[in-house]
N, C-alpha and C. Protein backbone atom coordinates (compact mmCIF):
# COMPACT_ATOMS: atom_id res chain seq x y z
N UNK A 1 -103.35 -53.17 4.07
CA UNK A 1 -102.58 -54.13 3.27
C UNK A 1 -101.17 -54.30 3.83
N UNK A 2 -100.57 -53.16 4.31
CA UNK A 2 -99.23 -53.26 4.86
C UNK A 2 -99.24 -54.11 6.13
N UNK A 3 -100.29 -53.93 6.98
CA UNK A 3 -100.39 -54.75 8.18
C UNK A 3 -100.59 -56.22 7.85
N UNK A 4 -101.40 -56.49 6.81
CA UNK A 4 -101.59 -57.89 6.40
C UNK A 4 -100.29 -58.49 5.90
N UNK A 5 -99.49 -57.73 5.15
CA UNK A 5 -98.21 -58.24 4.66
C UNK A 5 -97.26 -58.55 5.81
N UNK A 6 -97.24 -57.68 6.83
CA UNK A 6 -96.37 -57.94 7.98
C UNK A 6 -96.82 -59.19 8.72
N UNK A 7 -98.15 -59.35 8.87
CA UNK A 7 -98.65 -60.55 9.55
C UNK A 7 -98.31 -61.81 8.77
N UNK A 8 -98.44 -61.73 7.43
CA UNK A 8 -98.10 -62.90 6.61
C UNK A 8 -96.62 -63.23 6.71
N UNK A 9 -95.78 -62.17 6.71
CA UNK A 9 -94.34 -62.42 6.85
C UNK A 9 -94.02 -63.05 8.19
N UNK A 10 -94.67 -62.58 9.26
CA UNK A 10 -94.44 -63.16 10.58
C UNK A 10 -94.89 -64.61 10.63
N UNK A 11 -96.05 -64.91 10.00
CA UNK A 11 -96.53 -66.29 9.99
C UNK A 11 -95.59 -67.19 9.21
N UNK A 12 -95.09 -66.70 8.07
CA UNK A 12 -94.15 -67.50 7.28
C UNK A 12 -92.86 -67.75 8.04
N UNK A 13 -92.36 -66.71 8.75
CA UNK A 13 -91.13 -66.88 9.52
C UNK A 13 -91.33 -67.88 10.65
N UNK A 14 -92.49 -67.80 11.34
CA UNK A 14 -92.77 -68.75 12.42
C UNK A 14 -92.87 -70.17 11.88
N UNK A 15 -93.51 -70.33 10.72
CA UNK A 15 -93.62 -71.66 10.12
C UNK A 15 -92.25 -72.20 9.73
N UNK A 16 -91.39 -71.32 9.21
CA UNK A 16 -90.03 -71.77 8.85
C UNK A 16 -89.25 -72.19 10.08
N UNK A 17 -89.39 -71.42 11.18
CA UNK A 17 -88.70 -71.81 12.41
C UNK A 17 -89.22 -73.14 12.93
N UNK A 18 -90.54 -73.34 12.88
CA UNK A 18 -91.10 -74.61 13.33
C UNK A 18 -90.62 -75.77 12.47
N UNK A 19 -90.54 -75.54 11.15
CA UNK A 19 -90.05 -76.60 10.26
C UNK A 19 -88.60 -76.94 10.56
N UNK A 20 -87.77 -75.90 10.84
CA UNK A 20 -86.36 -76.16 11.18
C UNK A 20 -86.25 -76.97 12.46
N UNK A 21 -87.03 -76.57 13.49
CA UNK A 21 -86.97 -77.30 14.76
C UNK A 21 -87.45 -78.74 14.60
N UNK A 22 -88.54 -78.93 13.83
CA UNK A 22 -89.04 -80.29 13.63
C UNK A 22 -88.05 -81.13 12.84
N UNK A 23 -87.38 -80.51 11.86
CA UNK A 23 -86.37 -81.25 11.10
C UNK A 23 -85.21 -81.68 12.00
N UNK A 24 -84.78 -80.78 12.89
CA UNK A 24 -83.71 -81.13 13.82
C UNK A 24 -84.14 -82.26 14.75
N UNK A 25 -85.40 -82.21 15.22
CA UNK A 25 -85.89 -83.28 16.09
C UNK A 25 -85.95 -84.61 15.35
N UNK A 26 -86.40 -84.57 14.09
CA UNK A 26 -86.44 -85.81 13.30
C UNK A 26 -85.05 -86.36 13.07
N UNK A 27 -84.07 -85.47 12.81
CA UNK A 27 -82.70 -85.94 12.60
C UNK A 27 -82.14 -86.56 13.87
N UNK A 28 -82.43 -85.92 15.03
CA UNK A 28 -81.94 -86.49 16.29
C UNK A 28 -82.58 -87.84 16.57
N UNK A 29 -83.89 -87.96 16.30
CA UNK A 29 -84.56 -89.24 16.51
C UNK A 29 -83.99 -90.32 15.59
N UNK A 30 -83.73 -89.95 14.33
CA UNK A 30 -83.15 -90.93 13.41
C UNK A 30 -81.75 -91.33 13.84
N UNK A 31 -80.97 -90.37 14.35
CA UNK A 31 -79.61 -90.69 14.82
C UNK A 31 -79.66 -91.63 16.02
N UNK A 32 -80.58 -91.34 16.97
CA UNK A 32 -80.71 -92.23 18.12
C UNK A 32 -81.19 -93.61 17.73
N UNK A 33 -82.11 -93.66 16.75
CA UNK A 33 -82.59 -94.96 16.28
C UNK A 33 -81.47 -95.77 15.64
N UNK A 34 -80.64 -95.10 14.84
CA UNK A 34 -79.52 -95.80 14.19
C UNK A 34 -78.52 -96.31 15.22
N UNK A 35 -78.22 -95.48 16.23
CA UNK A 35 -77.26 -95.91 17.25
C UNK A 35 -77.80 -97.09 18.04
N UNK A 36 -79.10 -97.03 18.39
CA UNK A 36 -79.68 -98.14 19.14
C UNK A 36 -79.71 -99.41 18.30
N UNK A 37 -80.10 -99.26 17.03
CA UNK A 37 -80.15 -100.44 16.16
C UNK A 37 -78.77 -101.04 15.93
N UNK A 38 -77.73 -100.20 15.97
CA UNK A 38 -76.38 -100.73 15.75
C UNK A 38 -75.81 -101.39 17.00
N UNK A 39 -76.18 -100.90 18.18
CA UNK A 39 -75.57 -101.41 19.41
C UNK A 39 -76.31 -102.62 19.98
N UNK A 40 -77.64 -102.60 19.94
CA UNK A 40 -78.38 -103.65 20.63
C UNK A 40 -78.20 -105.04 20.01
N UNK A 41 -78.19 -105.20 18.67
CA UNK A 41 -77.96 -106.55 18.14
C UNK A 41 -76.62 -107.14 18.56
N UNK A 42 -75.59 -106.30 18.68
CA UNK A 42 -74.29 -106.82 19.13
C UNK A 42 -74.38 -107.32 20.56
N UNK A 43 -75.08 -106.57 21.42
CA UNK A 43 -75.23 -107.02 22.81
C UNK A 43 -76.01 -108.32 22.88
N UNK A 44 -77.09 -108.40 22.11
CA UNK A 44 -77.90 -109.63 22.13
C UNK A 44 -77.11 -110.80 21.57
N UNK A 45 -76.29 -110.56 20.54
CA UNK A 45 -75.49 -111.65 19.97
C UNK A 45 -74.47 -112.15 20.99
N UNK A 46 -73.82 -111.23 21.70
CA UNK A 46 -72.85 -111.64 22.72
C UNK A 46 -73.53 -112.42 23.84
N UNK A 47 -74.73 -111.96 24.21
CA UNK A 47 -75.46 -112.66 25.27
C UNK A 47 -75.86 -114.06 24.82
N UNK A 48 -76.30 -114.19 23.57
CA UNK A 48 -76.65 -115.52 23.05
C UNK A 48 -75.44 -116.43 22.97
N UNK A 49 -74.28 -115.89 22.61
CA UNK A 49 -73.05 -116.70 22.58
C UNK A 49 -72.71 -117.20 23.98
N UNK A 50 -72.93 -116.35 24.98
CA UNK A 50 -72.68 -116.75 26.36
C UNK A 50 -73.60 -117.90 26.76
N UNK A 51 -74.87 -117.82 26.35
CA UNK A 51 -75.80 -118.90 26.66
C UNK A 51 -75.38 -120.20 25.98
N UNK A 52 -74.96 -120.11 24.72
CA UNK A 52 -74.53 -121.33 24.02
C UNK A 52 -73.29 -121.94 24.67
N UNK A 53 -72.37 -121.10 25.13
CA UNK A 53 -71.17 -121.62 25.81
C UNK A 53 -71.54 -122.34 27.09
N UNK A 54 -72.49 -121.78 27.82
CA UNK A 54 -72.91 -122.45 29.06
C UNK A 54 -73.62 -123.77 28.77
N UNK A 55 -74.41 -123.78 27.71
CA UNK A 55 -75.08 -125.03 27.35
C UNK A 55 -74.08 -126.10 26.96
N UNK A 56 -73.02 -125.72 26.23
CA UNK A 56 -71.99 -126.68 25.86
C UNK A 56 -71.26 -127.20 27.10
N UNK A 57 -71.02 -126.32 28.06
CA UNK A 57 -70.38 -126.77 29.30
C UNK A 57 -71.25 -127.78 30.04
N UNK A 58 -72.57 -127.55 30.04
CA UNK A 58 -73.47 -128.51 30.70
C UNK A 58 -73.43 -129.86 29.99
N UNK A 59 -73.37 -129.83 28.66
CA UNK A 59 -73.31 -131.10 27.92
C UNK A 59 -72.02 -131.85 28.24
N UNK A 60 -70.91 -131.12 28.31
CA UNK A 60 -69.63 -131.75 28.63
C UNK A 60 -69.66 -132.36 30.03
N UNK A 61 -70.27 -131.68 30.95
CA UNK A 61 -70.36 -132.24 32.30
C UNK A 61 -71.22 -133.50 32.30
N UNK A 62 -72.25 -133.51 31.46
CA UNK A 62 -73.11 -134.70 31.40
C UNK A 62 -72.38 -135.92 30.87
N UNK A 63 -71.35 -135.71 30.04
CA UNK A 63 -70.57 -136.83 29.50
C UNK A 63 -69.29 -137.10 30.29
N UNK A 64 -69.19 -136.55 31.45
CA UNK A 64 -68.00 -136.81 32.26
C UNK A 64 -67.14 -135.59 32.42
N UNK A 65 -67.23 -134.67 31.45
CA UNK A 65 -66.67 -133.34 31.54
C UNK A 65 -65.23 -133.24 31.96
N UNK A 66 -64.81 -132.06 32.28
CA UNK A 66 -63.44 -131.84 32.72
C UNK A 66 -63.20 -132.50 34.07
N UNK A 67 -62.00 -132.95 34.35
CA UNK A 67 -61.73 -133.58 35.64
C UNK A 67 -61.85 -132.58 36.77
N UNK A 68 -62.36 -133.06 37.89
CA UNK A 68 -62.51 -132.21 39.07
C UNK A 68 -63.81 -131.46 39.11
N UNK A 69 -64.62 -131.50 38.05
CA UNK A 69 -65.90 -130.80 38.04
C UNK A 69 -66.96 -131.67 38.69
N UNK A 70 -67.66 -131.17 39.69
CA UNK A 70 -68.68 -131.98 40.37
C UNK A 70 -69.83 -132.29 39.43
N UNK A 71 -70.32 -133.47 39.48
CA UNK A 71 -71.39 -133.93 38.60
C UNK A 71 -72.52 -134.45 39.46
N UNK A 72 -73.29 -133.56 39.97
CA UNK A 72 -74.41 -133.93 40.82
C UNK A 72 -75.70 -133.52 40.14
N UNK A 73 -76.76 -134.20 40.48
CA UNK A 73 -78.06 -133.92 39.87
C UNK A 73 -78.57 -132.55 40.29
N UNK A 74 -78.31 -132.17 41.53
CA UNK A 74 -78.77 -130.88 42.02
C UNK A 74 -78.10 -129.73 41.26
N UNK A 75 -76.81 -129.86 41.02
CA UNK A 75 -76.11 -128.81 40.30
C UNK A 75 -76.60 -128.71 38.85
N UNK A 76 -76.87 -129.86 38.24
CA UNK A 76 -77.39 -129.84 36.87
C UNK A 76 -78.75 -129.16 36.81
N UNK A 77 -79.59 -129.43 37.80
CA UNK A 77 -80.90 -128.78 37.82
C UNK A 77 -80.76 -127.27 37.99
N UNK A 78 -79.86 -126.86 38.87
CA UNK A 78 -79.64 -125.42 39.06
C UNK A 78 -79.13 -124.76 37.77
N UNK A 79 -78.23 -125.45 37.10
CA UNK A 79 -77.71 -124.89 35.85
C UNK A 79 -78.79 -124.82 34.78
N UNK A 80 -79.64 -125.83 34.72
CA UNK A 80 -80.73 -125.79 33.75
C UNK A 80 -81.70 -124.65 34.05
N UNK A 81 -82.01 -124.47 35.33
CA UNK A 81 -82.90 -123.38 35.70
C UNK A 81 -82.27 -122.02 35.35
N UNK A 82 -80.98 -121.89 35.63
CA UNK A 82 -80.31 -120.64 35.31
C UNK A 82 -80.30 -120.39 33.81
N UNK A 83 -80.09 -121.45 33.04
CA UNK A 83 -80.09 -121.31 31.59
C UNK A 83 -81.47 -120.92 31.07
N UNK A 84 -82.51 -121.50 31.64
CA UNK A 84 -83.86 -121.14 31.23
C UNK A 84 -84.16 -119.68 31.56
N UNK A 85 -83.74 -119.24 32.74
CA UNK A 85 -83.96 -117.84 33.10
C UNK A 85 -83.22 -116.90 32.15
N UNK A 86 -82.00 -117.25 31.79
CA UNK A 86 -81.25 -116.39 30.88
C UNK A 86 -81.87 -116.38 29.48
N UNK A 87 -82.41 -117.52 29.06
CA UNK A 87 -83.10 -117.54 27.77
C UNK A 87 -84.34 -116.67 27.80
N UNK A 88 -85.06 -116.69 28.92
CA UNK A 88 -86.23 -115.82 29.05
C UNK A 88 -85.81 -114.36 29.03
N UNK A 89 -84.70 -114.04 29.69
CA UNK A 89 -84.22 -112.67 29.67
C UNK A 89 -83.82 -112.24 28.26
N UNK A 90 -83.21 -113.16 27.52
CA UNK A 90 -82.85 -112.85 26.14
C UNK A 90 -84.09 -112.59 25.28
N UNK A 91 -85.13 -113.41 25.48
CA UNK A 91 -86.37 -113.21 24.73
C UNK A 91 -87.01 -111.87 25.09
N UNK A 92 -86.98 -111.53 26.40
CA UNK A 92 -87.54 -110.25 26.82
C UNK A 92 -86.76 -109.09 26.23
N UNK A 93 -85.43 -109.23 26.19
CA UNK A 93 -84.62 -108.16 25.60
C UNK A 93 -84.93 -107.98 24.12
N UNK A 94 -85.14 -109.09 23.41
CA UNK A 94 -85.48 -109.00 21.99
C UNK A 94 -86.82 -108.31 21.79
N UNK A 95 -87.81 -108.67 22.63
CA UNK A 95 -89.12 -108.03 22.53
C UNK A 95 -89.03 -106.54 22.84
N UNK A 96 -88.23 -106.20 23.87
CA UNK A 96 -88.06 -104.79 24.21
C UNK A 96 -87.39 -104.02 23.08
N UNK A 97 -86.42 -104.65 22.42
CA UNK A 97 -85.76 -104.01 21.29
C UNK A 97 -86.75 -103.76 20.15
N UNK A 98 -87.62 -104.72 19.89
CA UNK A 98 -88.61 -104.55 18.83
C UNK A 98 -89.59 -103.43 19.18
N UNK A 99 -90.00 -103.35 20.43
CA UNK A 99 -90.91 -102.29 20.84
C UNK A 99 -90.24 -100.93 20.72
N UNK A 100 -88.96 -100.85 21.11
CA UNK A 100 -88.26 -99.57 20.96
C UNK A 100 -88.15 -99.18 19.49
N UNK A 101 -87.97 -100.18 18.63
CA UNK A 101 -87.95 -99.88 17.20
C UNK A 101 -89.27 -99.28 16.72
N UNK A 102 -90.39 -99.84 17.20
CA UNK A 102 -91.70 -99.29 16.85
C UNK A 102 -91.84 -97.86 17.37
N UNK A 103 -91.40 -97.63 18.61
CA UNK A 103 -91.51 -96.30 19.19
C UNK A 103 -90.71 -95.29 18.38
N UNK A 104 -89.47 -95.66 18.01
CA UNK A 104 -88.64 -94.75 17.21
C UNK A 104 -89.28 -94.48 15.86
N UNK A 105 -89.88 -95.51 15.25
CA UNK A 105 -90.52 -95.32 13.95
C UNK A 105 -91.71 -94.37 14.05
N UNK A 106 -92.52 -94.56 15.10
CA UNK A 106 -93.69 -93.68 15.28
C UNK A 106 -93.24 -92.26 15.58
N UNK A 107 -92.21 -92.10 16.41
CA UNK A 107 -91.72 -90.76 16.72
C UNK A 107 -91.18 -90.07 15.47
N UNK A 108 -90.45 -90.82 14.65
CA UNK A 108 -89.94 -90.23 13.41
C UNK A 108 -91.08 -89.84 12.48
N UNK A 109 -92.13 -90.68 12.42
CA UNK A 109 -93.29 -90.35 11.59
C UNK A 109 -94.00 -89.10 12.11
N UNK A 110 -94.10 -88.98 13.44
CA UNK A 110 -94.73 -87.79 14.01
C UNK A 110 -93.92 -86.54 13.69
N UNK A 111 -92.60 -86.64 13.80
CA UNK A 111 -91.75 -85.49 13.46
C UNK A 111 -91.88 -85.14 11.98
N UNK A 112 -91.94 -86.17 11.12
CA UNK A 112 -92.12 -85.91 9.69
C UNK A 112 -93.47 -85.24 9.41
N UNK A 113 -94.51 -85.67 10.13
CA UNK A 113 -95.81 -85.03 9.97
C UNK A 113 -95.79 -83.57 10.39
N UNK A 114 -95.09 -83.28 11.50
CA UNK A 114 -94.98 -81.90 11.94
C UNK A 114 -94.21 -81.05 10.92
N UNK A 115 -93.15 -81.63 10.36
CA UNK A 115 -92.39 -80.91 9.32
C UNK A 115 -93.27 -80.64 8.11
N UNK A 116 -94.05 -81.66 7.70
CA UNK A 116 -94.93 -81.48 6.54
C UNK A 116 -95.98 -80.40 6.81
N UNK A 117 -96.54 -80.39 8.03
CA UNK A 117 -97.52 -79.37 8.37
C UNK A 117 -96.93 -77.97 8.36
N UNK A 118 -95.72 -77.83 8.93
CA UNK A 118 -95.08 -76.52 8.95
C UNK A 118 -94.71 -76.06 7.54
N UNK A 119 -94.24 -77.00 6.71
CA UNK A 119 -93.91 -76.64 5.32
C UNK A 119 -95.16 -76.22 4.55
N UNK A 120 -96.27 -76.94 4.78
CA UNK A 120 -97.52 -76.56 4.11
C UNK A 120 -97.98 -75.18 4.55
N UNK A 121 -97.81 -74.88 5.86
CA UNK A 121 -98.18 -73.55 6.34
C UNK A 121 -97.33 -72.47 5.70
N UNK A 122 -96.02 -72.73 5.60
CA UNK A 122 -95.14 -71.73 4.98
C UNK A 122 -95.49 -71.52 3.50
N UNK A 123 -95.75 -72.63 2.78
CA UNK A 123 -96.08 -72.52 1.36
C UNK A 123 -97.40 -71.78 1.16
N UNK A 124 -98.40 -72.11 1.99
CA UNK A 124 -99.69 -71.44 1.85
C UNK A 124 -99.58 -69.96 2.17
N UNK A 125 -98.80 -69.63 3.23
CA UNK A 125 -98.64 -68.22 3.58
C UNK A 125 -97.90 -67.45 2.49
N UNK A 126 -96.87 -68.09 1.90
CA UNK A 126 -96.13 -67.42 0.83
C UNK A 126 -97.01 -67.19 -0.40
N UNK A 127 -97.79 -68.21 -0.77
CA UNK A 127 -98.66 -68.07 -1.94
C UNK A 127 -99.73 -67.01 -1.70
N UNK A 128 -100.30 -67.00 -0.50
CA UNK A 128 -101.34 -66.01 -0.21
C UNK A 128 -100.75 -64.60 -0.14
N UNK A 129 -99.52 -64.49 0.40
CA UNK A 129 -98.90 -63.17 0.48
C UNK A 129 -98.60 -62.61 -0.91
N UNK A 130 -98.24 -63.52 -1.83
CA UNK A 130 -97.92 -63.06 -3.18
C UNK A 130 -99.15 -62.67 -3.97
N UNK A 131 -100.31 -63.20 -3.61
CA UNK A 131 -101.51 -62.97 -4.42
C UNK A 131 -102.64 -62.32 -3.62
N UNK A 132 -102.35 -61.87 -2.40
CA UNK A 132 -103.42 -61.30 -1.58
C UNK A 132 -103.82 -59.93 -2.13
N UNK A 133 -105.05 -59.83 -2.63
CA UNK A 133 -105.52 -58.57 -3.21
C UNK A 133 -106.84 -58.12 -2.60
N UNK A 134 -107.39 -58.88 -1.67
CA UNK A 134 -108.66 -58.48 -1.11
C UNK A 134 -109.01 -59.29 0.13
N UNK A 135 -110.16 -58.98 0.74
CA UNK A 135 -110.56 -59.71 1.95
C UNK A 135 -110.71 -61.21 1.74
N UNK A 136 -111.22 -61.62 0.58
CA UNK A 136 -111.40 -63.06 0.34
C UNK A 136 -110.06 -63.79 0.33
N UNK A 137 -109.05 -63.17 -0.29
CA UNK A 137 -107.73 -63.80 -0.32
C UNK A 137 -107.13 -63.88 1.07
N UNK A 138 -107.31 -62.83 1.87
CA UNK A 138 -106.78 -62.86 3.23
C UNK A 138 -107.48 -63.93 4.07
N UNK A 139 -108.77 -64.08 3.87
CA UNK A 139 -109.50 -65.13 4.60
C UNK A 139 -109.02 -66.52 4.21
N UNK A 140 -108.81 -66.74 2.92
CA UNK A 140 -108.30 -68.03 2.47
C UNK A 140 -106.89 -68.29 3.01
N UNK A 141 -106.07 -67.24 3.07
CA UNK A 141 -104.72 -67.39 3.63
C UNK A 141 -104.79 -67.81 5.10
N UNK A 142 -105.65 -67.15 5.86
CA UNK A 142 -105.78 -67.50 7.28
C UNK A 142 -106.29 -68.93 7.44
N UNK A 143 -107.22 -69.34 6.58
CA UNK A 143 -107.74 -70.71 6.66
C UNK A 143 -106.64 -71.73 6.37
N UNK A 144 -105.81 -71.44 5.38
CA UNK A 144 -104.71 -72.36 5.05
C UNK A 144 -103.73 -72.47 6.20
N UNK A 145 -103.38 -71.33 6.81
CA UNK A 145 -102.46 -71.36 7.94
C UNK A 145 -103.05 -72.13 9.12
N UNK A 146 -104.34 -71.94 9.38
CA UNK A 146 -104.99 -72.66 10.48
C UNK A 146 -105.04 -74.16 10.22
N UNK A 147 -105.32 -74.55 8.97
CA UNK A 147 -105.36 -75.97 8.64
C UNK A 147 -103.99 -76.62 8.81
N UNK A 148 -102.94 -75.93 8.38
CA UNK A 148 -101.60 -76.49 8.52
C UNK A 148 -101.19 -76.58 9.98
N UNK A 149 -101.52 -75.55 10.77
CA UNK A 149 -101.19 -75.61 12.20
C UNK A 149 -101.94 -76.74 12.89
N UNK A 150 -103.20 -76.93 12.52
CA UNK A 150 -103.97 -78.04 13.09
C UNK A 150 -103.35 -79.38 12.73
N UNK A 151 -102.87 -79.51 11.51
CA UNK A 151 -102.22 -80.76 11.10
C UNK A 151 -100.96 -81.03 11.91
N UNK A 152 -100.15 -79.98 12.16
CA UNK A 152 -98.94 -80.17 12.94
C UNK A 152 -99.27 -80.57 14.37
N UNK A 153 -100.28 -79.93 14.96
CA UNK A 153 -100.68 -80.29 16.33
C UNK A 153 -101.20 -81.72 16.38
N UNK A 154 -101.99 -82.12 15.38
CA UNK A 154 -102.53 -83.48 15.36
C UNK A 154 -101.41 -84.51 15.23
N UNK A 155 -100.41 -84.22 14.39
CA UNK A 155 -99.29 -85.15 14.23
C UNK A 155 -98.51 -85.29 15.53
N UNK A 156 -98.28 -84.16 16.21
CA UNK A 156 -97.57 -84.22 17.49
C UNK A 156 -98.38 -85.01 18.52
N UNK A 157 -99.69 -84.81 18.56
CA UNK A 157 -100.53 -85.54 19.50
C UNK A 157 -100.51 -87.04 19.21
N UNK A 158 -100.52 -87.41 17.93
CA UNK A 158 -100.45 -88.83 17.59
C UNK A 158 -99.12 -89.44 18.04
N UNK A 159 -98.03 -88.69 17.86
CA UNK A 159 -96.74 -89.19 18.32
C UNK A 159 -96.70 -89.37 19.82
N UNK A 160 -97.26 -88.41 20.57
CA UNK A 160 -97.30 -88.54 22.02
C UNK A 160 -98.17 -89.72 22.46
N UNK A 161 -99.28 -89.93 21.76
CA UNK A 161 -100.14 -91.08 22.08
C UNK A 161 -99.41 -92.40 21.86
N UNK A 162 -98.67 -92.48 20.76
CA UNK A 162 -97.92 -93.71 20.48
C UNK A 162 -96.85 -93.96 21.53
N UNK A 163 -96.13 -92.89 21.93
CA UNK A 163 -95.10 -93.07 22.95
C UNK A 163 -95.70 -93.49 24.28
N UNK A 164 -96.85 -92.90 24.66
CA UNK A 164 -97.50 -93.29 25.90
C UNK A 164 -97.96 -94.74 25.86
N UNK A 165 -98.48 -95.16 24.71
CA UNK A 165 -98.92 -96.55 24.57
C UNK A 165 -97.75 -97.51 24.66
N UNK A 166 -96.59 -97.11 24.13
CA UNK A 166 -95.43 -98.00 24.15
C UNK A 166 -94.86 -98.14 25.55
N UNK A 167 -94.94 -97.07 26.35
CA UNK A 167 -94.37 -97.13 27.69
C UNK A 167 -95.35 -97.66 28.72
N UNK A 168 -96.59 -97.91 28.34
CA UNK A 168 -97.57 -98.43 29.29
C UNK A 168 -97.22 -99.87 29.68
N UNK A 169 -97.63 -100.24 30.89
CA UNK A 169 -97.37 -101.61 31.36
C UNK A 169 -98.43 -102.53 30.78
N UNK A 170 -98.19 -103.00 29.58
CA UNK A 170 -99.14 -103.87 28.88
C UNK A 170 -98.36 -104.98 28.19
N UNK A 171 -99.02 -106.11 27.88
CA UNK A 171 -98.32 -107.18 27.16
C UNK A 171 -97.81 -106.71 25.81
N UNK A 172 -96.81 -107.43 25.29
CA UNK A 172 -96.19 -107.01 24.04
C UNK A 172 -97.16 -106.94 22.89
N UNK A 173 -98.07 -107.90 22.76
CA UNK A 173 -99.00 -107.91 21.64
C UNK A 173 -99.93 -106.70 21.70
N UNK A 174 -100.37 -106.35 22.91
CA UNK A 174 -101.26 -105.20 23.04
C UNK A 174 -100.53 -103.92 22.64
N UNK A 175 -99.27 -103.80 23.06
CA UNK A 175 -98.48 -102.62 22.69
C UNK A 175 -98.32 -102.52 21.18
N UNK A 176 -98.07 -103.66 20.53
CA UNK A 176 -97.92 -103.65 19.08
C UNK A 176 -99.20 -103.16 18.40
N UNK A 177 -100.34 -103.65 18.87
CA UNK A 177 -101.62 -103.24 18.28
C UNK A 177 -101.85 -101.74 18.48
N UNK A 178 -101.53 -101.24 19.68
CA UNK A 178 -101.71 -99.82 19.93
C UNK A 178 -100.81 -98.97 19.03
N UNK A 179 -99.58 -99.43 18.85
CA UNK A 179 -98.65 -98.69 18.00
C UNK A 179 -99.12 -98.68 16.54
N UNK A 180 -99.59 -99.82 16.06
CA UNK A 180 -100.09 -99.88 14.69
C UNK A 180 -101.31 -98.98 14.51
N UNK A 181 -102.19 -98.96 15.51
CA UNK A 181 -103.37 -98.10 15.44
C UNK A 181 -102.95 -96.62 15.41
N UNK A 182 -101.97 -96.26 16.25
CA UNK A 182 -101.50 -94.88 16.26
C UNK A 182 -100.85 -94.50 14.93
N UNK A 183 -100.11 -95.44 14.34
CA UNK A 183 -99.49 -95.16 13.04
C UNK A 183 -100.54 -94.93 11.96
N UNK A 184 -101.60 -95.75 11.97
CA UNK A 184 -102.67 -95.57 10.98
C UNK A 184 -103.36 -94.22 11.17
N UNK A 185 -103.60 -93.84 12.43
CA UNK A 185 -104.23 -92.54 12.70
C UNK A 185 -103.34 -91.39 12.24
N UNK A 186 -102.03 -91.53 12.46
CA UNK A 186 -101.10 -90.48 12.05
C UNK A 186 -101.09 -90.31 10.54
N UNK A 187 -101.06 -91.41 9.81
CA UNK A 187 -101.08 -91.33 8.35
C UNK A 187 -102.37 -90.70 7.85
N UNK A 188 -103.50 -91.03 8.47
CA UNK A 188 -104.78 -90.46 8.06
C UNK A 188 -104.80 -88.95 8.31
N UNK A 189 -104.31 -88.53 9.50
CA UNK A 189 -104.27 -87.10 9.81
C UNK A 189 -103.37 -86.35 8.81
N UNK A 190 -102.23 -86.93 8.51
CA UNK A 190 -101.31 -86.27 7.57
C UNK A 190 -101.93 -86.14 6.19
N UNK A 191 -102.63 -87.19 5.74
CA UNK A 191 -103.28 -87.14 4.43
C UNK A 191 -104.37 -86.06 4.41
N UNK A 192 -105.18 -85.99 5.46
CA UNK A 192 -106.23 -84.98 5.52
C UNK A 192 -105.65 -83.57 5.56
N UNK A 193 -104.54 -83.41 6.30
CA UNK A 193 -103.92 -82.09 6.38
C UNK A 193 -103.38 -81.65 5.02
N UNK A 194 -102.77 -82.58 4.29
CA UNK A 194 -102.26 -82.25 2.96
C UNK A 194 -103.39 -81.85 2.02
N UNK A 195 -104.51 -82.58 2.08
CA UNK A 195 -105.65 -82.23 1.24
C UNK A 195 -106.21 -80.85 1.60
N UNK A 196 -106.31 -80.56 2.92
CA UNK A 196 -106.83 -79.27 3.35
C UNK A 196 -105.91 -78.13 2.93
N UNK A 197 -104.60 -78.34 3.05
CA UNK A 197 -103.66 -77.29 2.64
C UNK A 197 -103.74 -77.04 1.14
N UNK A 198 -103.86 -78.12 0.34
CA UNK A 198 -103.97 -77.95 -1.10
C UNK A 198 -105.25 -77.20 -1.47
N UNK A 199 -106.36 -77.55 -0.82
CA UNK A 199 -107.62 -76.86 -1.10
C UNK A 199 -107.56 -75.39 -0.72
N UNK A 200 -106.94 -75.09 0.44
CA UNK A 200 -106.84 -73.70 0.87
C UNK A 200 -105.95 -72.89 -0.07
N UNK A 201 -104.85 -73.49 -0.53
CA UNK A 201 -103.98 -72.78 -1.48
C UNK A 201 -104.71 -72.51 -2.79
N UNK A 202 -105.47 -73.50 -3.28
CA UNK A 202 -106.24 -73.29 -4.51
C UNK A 202 -107.29 -72.20 -4.33
N UNK A 203 -107.93 -72.18 -3.15
CA UNK A 203 -108.93 -71.14 -2.90
C UNK A 203 -108.28 -69.76 -2.86
N UNK A 204 -107.09 -69.67 -2.25
CA UNK A 204 -106.40 -68.38 -2.20
C UNK A 204 -106.03 -67.91 -3.60
N UNK A 205 -105.54 -68.84 -4.44
CA UNK A 205 -105.18 -68.46 -5.81
C UNK A 205 -106.41 -68.03 -6.60
N UNK A 206 -107.53 -68.74 -6.42
CA UNK A 206 -108.75 -68.38 -7.14
C UNK A 206 -109.28 -67.03 -6.68
N UNK A 207 -109.19 -66.76 -5.36
CA UNK A 207 -109.69 -65.49 -4.86
C UNK A 207 -108.82 -64.32 -5.31
N UNK A 208 -107.55 -64.60 -5.60
CA UNK A 208 -106.66 -63.51 -6.02
C UNK A 208 -106.87 -63.09 -7.47
N UNK A 209 -107.56 -63.91 -8.27
CA UNK A 209 -107.79 -63.58 -9.68
C UNK A 209 -108.79 -62.42 -9.75
N UNK A 210 -108.46 -61.34 -10.46
CA UNK A 210 -109.40 -60.21 -10.55
C UNK A 210 -110.70 -60.63 -11.23
N UNK A 211 -111.80 -60.23 -10.64
CA UNK A 211 -113.11 -60.55 -11.20
C UNK A 211 -113.50 -59.50 -12.24
N UNK A 212 -114.13 -59.92 -13.35
CA UNK A 212 -114.56 -58.92 -14.36
C UNK A 212 -115.64 -58.02 -13.81
N UNK A 213 -115.58 -56.79 -14.22
CA UNK A 213 -116.56 -55.82 -13.75
C UNK A 213 -117.94 -56.16 -14.28
N UNK A 214 -118.96 -55.94 -13.45
CA UNK A 214 -120.34 -56.23 -13.86
C UNK A 214 -120.77 -55.23 -14.92
N UNK A 215 -121.51 -55.73 -15.89
CA UNK A 215 -121.98 -54.87 -16.98
C UNK A 215 -123.02 -53.90 -16.45
């Protein structure tokens, strides 16, 4: 029993450390997401203002414009082509910003899933340690810890899959679909892990109840 208590304490301490690390990772991801979301719209707005200023200059040249400015058809065509290229770059930057937002959201969800799994492991280990009175209770405790660890690993794997899908050289629509699919899989894994942890905790509590002696 003393060895089982030490093992349970070690498992609870490891789960607490994992939860702390996952919480720090989630906070860092949220901080990076906030900084990116705050900086990129300003850059895109400034770039769009630059495009509008150039378009206004082209219109002024078309109406006679400032004195001394050459007004040739070739120059107008070059300016139009340059403006189209810059508009395409602006659209690409907007799409890239949206994809980065999806990646940050999926990463934050994966970190939250890992935190939830570690917290479930710590709670199950604490409950089993408090009520462990026999082999059945110890078995239920081990099952709860294994289920929570599996949930944390699954959440981390889903986050890695989403990040790999986002960085793959694929069209924007395909990347969006892959990210949405990964998010759905992550939510399903988290839900299943929570149900498994709850069932294991209930089994540990039931096994800890003293059974009446047989007549």
